[in-house]
Amino acid sequence: IGEQQLEVTASMLKERYNVSIVLS
């Protein structure tokens, strides 16, 4: 829906699944 949701998704991927994502 927005950039904040994308940012939160990246943070949750790291926290929950220990995988880092690069957004560009």
PDB file of all heavy atoms in Angstrom:
ATOM      1  N   ILE A   1       0.838  -1.207   0.000  1.00  0.00           N
ATOM      2  CA  ILE A   1       0.000   0.000   0.000  1.00  0.00           C
ATOM      3  C   ILE A   1       0.869   1.253   0.000  1.00  0.00           C
ATOM      4  O   ILE A   1       0.527   2.259  -0.617  1.00  0.00           O
ATOM      5  CB  ILE A   1      -0.953   0.002   1.215  1.00  0.00           C
ATOM      6  CG1 ILE A   1      -1.892  -1.214   1.159  1.00  0.00           C
ATOM      7  CG2 ILE A   1      -1.752   1.299   1.286  1.00  0.00           C
ATOM      8  CD1 ILE A   1      -2.824  -1.246  -0.044  1.00  0.00           C
ATOM      9  N   GLY A   2       2.019   1.213   0.688  1.00  0.00           N
ATOM     10  CA  GLY A   2       2.880   2.386   0.752  1.00  0.00           C
ATOM     11  C   GLY A   2       4.302   2.022   1.144  1.00  0.00           C
ATOM     12  O   GLY A   2       4.609   0.865   1.466  1.00  0.00           O
ATOM     13  N   GLU A   3       5.174   3.038   1.104  1.00  0.00           N
ATOM     14  CA  GLU A   3       6.591   2.811   1.383  1.00  0.00           C
ATOM     15  C   GLU A   3       6.823   2.325   2.820  1.00  0.00           C
ATOM     16  O   GLU A   3       7.716   1.519   3.077  1.00  0.00           O
ATOM     17  CB  GLU A   3       7.395   4.100   1.152  1.00  0.00           C
ATOM     18  CG  GLU A   3       7.596   4.456  -0.311  1.00  0.00           C
ATOM     19  CD  GLU A   3       6.433   5.240  -0.898  1.00  0.00           C
ATOM     20  OE1 GLU A   3       5.385   5.374  -0.205  1.00  0.00           O
ATOM     21  OE2 GLU A   3       6.543   5.713  -2.043  1.00  0.00           O
ATOM     22  N   GLN A   4       6.004   2.819   3.751  1.00  0.00           N
ATOM     23  CA  GLN A   4       6.182   2.402   5.145  1.00  0.00           C
ATOM     24  C   GLN A   4       5.910   0.908   5.306  1.00  0.00           C
ATOM     25  O   GLN A   4       6.613   0.210   6.044  1.00  0.00           O
ATOM     26  CB  GLN A   4       5.256   3.211   6.056  1.00  0.00           C
ATOM     27  CG  GLN A   4       5.531   2.986   7.535  1.00  0.00           C
ATOM     28  CD  GLN A   4       4.641   3.846   8.410  1.00  0.00           C
ATOM     29  OE1 GLN A   4       3.424   3.878   8.260  1.00  0.00           O
ATOM     30  NE2 GLN A   4       5.254   4.559   9.344  1.00  0.00           N
ATOM     31  N   GLN A   5       4.911   0.407   4.608  1.00  0.00           N
ATOM     32  CA  GLN A   5       4.613  -1.022   4.673  1.00  0.00           C
ATOM     33  C   GLN A   5       5.772  -1.844   4.102  1.00  0.00           C
ATOM     34  O   GLN A   5       6.111  -2.905   4.639  1.00  0.00           O
ATOM     35  CB  GLN A   5       3.318  -1.329   3.914  1.00  0.00           C
ATOM     36  CG  GLN A   5       2.854  -2.772   4.080  1.00  0.00           C
ATOM     37  CD  GLN A   5       1.623  -3.093   3.247  1.00  0.00           C
ATOM     38  OE1 GLN A   5       1.179  -2.281   2.439  1.00  0.00           O
ATOM     39  NE2 GLN A   5       1.071  -4.271   3.437  1.00  0.00           N
ATOM     40  N   LEU A   6       6.389  -1.352   3.025  1.00  0.00           N
ATOM     41  CA  LEU A   6       7.546  -2.046   2.454  1.00  0.00           C
ATOM     42  C   LEU A   6       8.706  -2.069   3.448  1.00  0.00           C
ATOM     43  O   LEU A   6       9.377  -3.095   3.624  1.00  0.00           O
ATOM     44  CB  LEU A   6       7.984  -1.354   1.155  1.00  0.00           C
ATOM     45  CG  LEU A   6       7.065  -1.526  -0.054  1.00  0.00           C
ATOM     46  CD1 LEU A   6       7.480  -0.587  -1.181  1.00  0.00           C
ATOM     47  CD2 LEU A   6       7.065  -2.967  -0.543  1.00  0.00           C
ATOM     48  N   GLU A   7       8.919  -0.945   4.113  1.00  0.00           N
ATOM     49  CA  GLU A   7       9.998  -0.859   5.098  1.00  0.00           C
ATOM     50  C   GLU A   7       9.745  -1.814   6.266  1.00  0.00           C
ATOM     51  O   GLU A   7      10.652  -2.523   6.725  1.00  0.00           O
ATOM     52  CB  GLU A   7      10.092   0.587   5.609  1.00  0.00           C
ATOM     53  CG  GLU A   7      11.204   0.816   6.614  1.00  0.00           C
ATOM     54  CD  GLU A   7      10.998   2.102   7.408  1.00  0.00           C
ATOM     55  OE1 GLU A   7      10.370   3.041   6.890  1.00  0.00           O
ATOM     56  OE2 GLU A   7      11.453   2.131   8.569  1.00  0.00           O
ATOM     57  N   VAL A   8       8.501  -1.851   6.747  1.00  0.00           N
ATOM     58  CA  VAL A   8       8.141  -2.750   7.848  1.00  0.00           C
ATOM     59  C   VAL A   8       8.298  -4.209   7.417  1.00  0.00           C
ATOM     60  O   VAL A   8       8.781  -5.054   8.178  1.00  0.00           O
ATOM     61  CB  VAL A   8       6.697  -2.464   8.326  1.00  0.00           C
ATOM     62  CG1 VAL A   8       6.181  -3.582   9.227  1.00  0.00           C
ATOM     63  CG2 VAL A   8       6.644  -1.130   9.062  1.00  0.00           C
ATOM     64  N   THR A   9       7.917  -4.507   6.185  1.00  0.00           N
ATOM     65  CA  THR A   9       8.049  -5.875   5.673  1.00  0.00           C
ATOM     66  C   THR A   9       9.510  -6.308   5.676  1.00  0.00           C
ATOM     67  O   THR A   9       9.842  -7.427   6.100  1.00  0.00           O
ATOM     68  CB  THR A   9       7.473  -5.967   4.246  1.00  0.00           C
ATOM     69  OG1 THR A   9       6.086  -5.621   4.269  1.00  0.00           O
ATOM     70  CG2 THR A   9       7.635  -7.365   3.666  1.00  0.00           C
ATOM     71  N   ALA A  10      10.399  -5.424   5.231  1.00  0.00           N
ATOM     72  CA  ALA A  10      11.829  -5.743   5.221  1.00  0.00           C
ATOM     73  C   ALA A  10      12.331  -6.006   6.642  1.00  0.00           C
ATOM     74  O   ALA A  10      13.100  -6.951   6.889  1.00  0.00           O
ATOM     75  CB  ALA A  10      12.613  -4.600   4.585  1.00  0.00           C
ATOM     76  N   SER A  11      11.879  -5.187   7.582  1.00  0.00           N
ATOM     77  CA  SER A  11      12.299  -5.350   8.976  1.00  0.00           C
ATOM     78  C   SER A  11      11.765  -6.651   9.566  1.00  0.00           C
ATOM     79  O   SER A  11      12.474  -7.358  10.300  1.00  0.00           O
ATOM     80  CB  SER A  11      11.801  -4.148   9.789  1.00  0.00           C
ATOM     81  OG  SER A  11      12.254  -4.221  11.113  1.00  0.00           O
ATOM     82  N   MET A  12      10.515  -6.998   9.237  1.00  0.00           N
ATOM     83  CA  MET A  12       9.913  -8.236   9.758  1.00  0.00           C
ATOM     84  C   MET A  12      10.573  -9.475   9.150  1.00  0.00           C
ATOM     85  O   MET A  12      10.700 -10.509   9.813  1.00  0.00           O
ATOM     86  CB  MET A  12       8.405  -8.231   9.499  1.00  0.00           C
ATOM     87  CG  MET A  12       7.662  -7.191  10.323  1.00  0.00           C
ATOM     88  SD  MET A  12       5.918  -7.053   9.900  1.00  0.00           S
ATOM     89  CE  MET A  12       5.205  -8.323  10.924  1.00  0.00           C
ATOM     90  N   LEU A  13      10.978  -9.389   7.897  1.00  0.00           N
ATOM     91  CA  LEU A  13      11.688 -10.515   7.282  1.00  0.00           C
ATOM     92  C   LEU A  13      12.979 -10.807   8.041  1.00  0.00           C
ATOM     93  O   LEU A  13      13.333 -11.966   8.279  1.00  0.00           O
ATOM     94  CB  LEU A  13      12.006 -10.200   5.814  1.00  0.00           C
ATOM     95  CG  LEU A  13      10.843 -10.308   4.828  1.00  0.00           C
ATOM     96  CD1 LEU A  13      11.208  -9.653   3.497  1.00  0.00           C
ATOM     97  CD2 LEU A  13      10.450 -11.764   4.593  1.00  0.00           C
ATOM     98  N   LYS A  14      13.649  -9.753   8.433  1.00  0.00           N
ATOM     99  CA  LYS A  14      14.901  -9.926   9.188  1.00  0.00           C
ATOM    100  C   LYS A  14      14.621 -10.470  10.588  1.00  0.00           C
ATOM    101  O   LYS A  14      15.289 -11.397  11.062  1.00  0.00           O
ATOM    102  CB  LYS A  14      15.624  -8.571   9.276  1.00  0.00           C
ATOM    103  CG  LYS A  14      16.933  -8.608  10.043  1.00  0.00           C
ATOM    104  CD  LYS A  14      17.970  -9.451   9.333  1.00  0.00           C
ATOM    105  CE  LYS A  14      19.303  -9.422  10.068  1.00  0.00           C
ATOM    106  NZ  LYS A  14      20.262 -10.388   9.495  1.00  0.00           N
ATOM    107  N   GLU A  15      13.607  -9.910  11.241  1.00  0.00           N
ATOM    108  CA  GLU A  15      13.308 -10.276  12.622  1.00  0.00           C
ATOM    109  C   GLU A  15      12.734 -11.691  12.728  1.00  0.00           C
ATOM    110  O   GLU A  15      13.137 -12.488  13.576  1.00  0.00           O
ATOM    111  CB  GLU A  15      12.313  -9.264  13.206  1.00  0.00           C
ATOM    112  CG  GLU A  15      11.851  -9.559  14.620  1.00  0.00           C
ATOM    113  CD  GLU A  15      12.978  -9.520  15.631  1.00  0.00           C
ATOM    114  OE1 GLU A  15      13.826  -8.613  15.545  1.00  0.00           O
ATOM    115  OE2 GLU A  15      13.032 -10.419  16.486  1.00  0.00           O
ATOM    116  N   ARG A  16      11.778 -11.997  11.848  1.00  0.00           N
ATOM    117  CA  ARG A  16      11.078 -13.287  11.957  1.00  0.00           C
ATOM    118  C   ARG A  16      11.822 -14.435  11.292  1.00  0.00           C
ATOM    119  O   ARG A  16      11.812 -15.563  11.777  1.00  0.00           O
ATOM    120  CB  ARG A  16       9.686 -13.180  11.325  1.00  0.00           C
ATOM    121  CG  ARG A  16       8.699 -12.322  12.076  1.00  0.00           C
ATOM    122  CD  ARG A  16       7.349 -12.418  11.369  1.00  0.00           C
ATOM    123  NE  ARG A  16       6.310 -11.652  12.039  1.00  0.00           N
ATOM    124  CZ  ARG A  16       5.041 -11.649  11.643  1.00  0.00           C
ATOM    125  NH1 ARG A  16       4.675 -12.373  10.597  1.00  0.00           N
ATOM    126  NH2 ARG A  16       4.139 -10.941  12.277  1.00  0.00           N
ATOM    127  N   TYR A  17      12.410 -14.151  10.117  1.00  0.00           N
ATOM    128  CA  TYR A  17      12.945 -15.239   9.292  1.00  0.00           C
ATOM    129  C   TYR A  17      14.455 -15.154   9.090  1.00  0.00           C
ATOM    130  O   TYR A  17      15.025 -15.963   8.355  1.00  0.00           O
ATOM    131  CB  TYR A  17      12.231 -15.254   7.932  1.00  0.00           C
ATOM    132  CG  TYR A  17      10.739 -15.447   8.055  1.00  0.00           C
ATOM    133  CD1 TYR A  17       9.868 -14.349   8.002  1.00  0.00           C
ATOM    134  CD2 TYR A  17      10.190 -16.709   8.247  1.00  0.00           C
ATOM    135  CE1 TYR A  17       8.490 -14.512   8.131  1.00  0.00           C
ATOM    136  CE2 TYR A  17       8.810 -16.885   8.372  1.00  0.00           C
ATOM    137  CZ  TYR A  17       7.976 -15.779   8.320  1.00  0.00           C
ATOM    138  OH  TYR A  17       6.618 -15.949   8.444  1.00  0.00           O
ATOM    139  N   ASN A  18      15.071 -14.122   9.688  1.00  0.00           N
ATOM    140  CA  ASN A  18      16.523 -13.950   9.606  1.00  0.00           C
ATOM    141  C   ASN A  18      17.013 -13.919   8.161  1.00  0.00           C
ATOM    142  O   ASN A  18      18.010 -14.556   7.798  1.00  0.00           O
ATOM    143  CB  ASN A  18      17.249 -15.060  10.387  1.00  0.00           C
ATOM    144  CG  ASN A  18      18.710 -14.707  10.622  1.00  0.00           C
ATOM    145  OD1 ASN A  18      19.070 -13.532  10.713  1.00  0.00           O
ATOM    146  ND2 ASN A  18      19.562 -15.721  10.696  1.00  0.00           N
ATOM    147  N   VAL A  19      16.300 -13.194   7.334  1.00  0.00           N
ATOM    148  CA  VAL A  19      16.723 -13.010   5.940  1.00  0.00           C
ATOM    149  C   VAL A  19      16.686 -11.518   5.626  1.00  0.00           C
ATOM    150  O   VAL A  19      15.700 -10.837   5.905  1.00  0.00           O
ATOM    151  CB  VAL A  19      15.848 -13.834   4.966  1.00  0.00           C
ATOM    152  CG1 VAL A  19      14.381 -13.474   5.084  1.00  0.00           C
ATOM    153  CG2 VAL A  19      16.303 -13.647   3.526  1.00  0.00           C
ATOM    154  N   SER A  20      17.777 -11.009   5.083  1.00  0.00           N
ATOM    155  CA  SER A  20      17.876  -9.575   4.774  1.00  0.00           C
ATOM    156  C   SER A  20      17.494  -9.339   3.325  1.00  0.00           C
ATOM    157  O   SER A  20      17.920 -10.075   2.423  1.00  0.00           O
ATOM    158  CB  SER A  20      19.300  -9.077   5.019  1.00  0.00           C
ATOM    159  OG  SER A  20      19.632  -9.185   6.389  1.00  0.00           O
ATOM    160  N   ILE A  21      16.702  -8.300   3.116  1.00  0.00           N
ATOM    161  CA  ILE A  21      16.207  -7.969   1.784  1.00  0.00           C
ATOM    162  C   ILE A  21      16.705  -6.575   1.411  1.00  0.00           C
ATOM    163  O   ILE A  21      16.794  -5.685   2.258  1.00  0.00           O
ATOM    164  CB  ILE A  21      14.658  -8.038   1.761  1.00  0.00           C
ATOM    165  CG1 ILE A  21      14.103  -7.832   0.352  1.00  0.00           C
ATOM    166  CG2 ILE A  21      14.045  -7.050   2.713  1.00  0.00           C
ATOM    167  CD1 ILE A  21      12.597  -8.032   0.266  1.00  0.00           C
ATOM    168  N   VAL A  22      17.066  -6.406   0.147  1.00  0.00           N
ATOM    169  CA  VAL A  22      17.487  -5.098  -0.364  1.00  0.00           C
ATOM    170  C   VAL A  22      16.372  -4.555  -1.247  1.00  0.00           C
ATOM    171  O   VAL A  22      15.969  -5.201  -2.223  1.00  0.00           O
ATOM    172  CB  VAL A  22      18.799  -5.212  -1.169  1.00  0.00           C
ATOM    173  CG1 VAL A  22      19.178  -3.853  -1.757  1.00  0.00           C
ATOM    174  CG2 VAL A  22      19.922  -5.740  -0.292  1.00  0.00           C
ATOM    175  N   LEU A  23      15.852  -3.383  -0.890  1.00  0.00           N
ATOM    176  CA  LEU A  23      14.815  -2.726  -1.680  1.00  0.00           C
ATOM    177  C   LEU A  23      15.448  -1.598  -2.486  1.00  0.00           C
ATOM    178  O   LEU A  23      16.289  -0.854  -1.970  1.00  0.00           O
ATOM    179  CB  LEU A  23      13.721  -2.159  -0.773  1.00  0.00           C
ATOM    180  CG  LEU A  23      12.899  -3.171   0.026  1.00  0.00           C
ATOM    181  CD1 LEU A  23      12.018  -2.467   1.047  1.00  0.00           C
ATOM    182  CD2 LEU A  23      12.039  -4.027  -0.905  1.00  0.00           C
ATOM    183  N   SER A  24      15.052  -1.452  -3.744  1.00  0.00           N
ATOM    184  CA  SER A  24      15.647  -0.416  -4.590  1.00  0.00           C
ATOM    185  C   SER A  24      14.617   0.096  -5.593  1.00  0.00           C
ATOM    186  O   SER A  24      13.560  -0.518  -5.799  1.00  0.00           O
ATOM    187  CB  SER A  24      16.867  -0.969  -5.333  1.00  0.00           C
ATOM    188  OG  SER A  24      16.502  -2.094  -6.124  1.00  0.00           O
TER     189      SER A  24
END
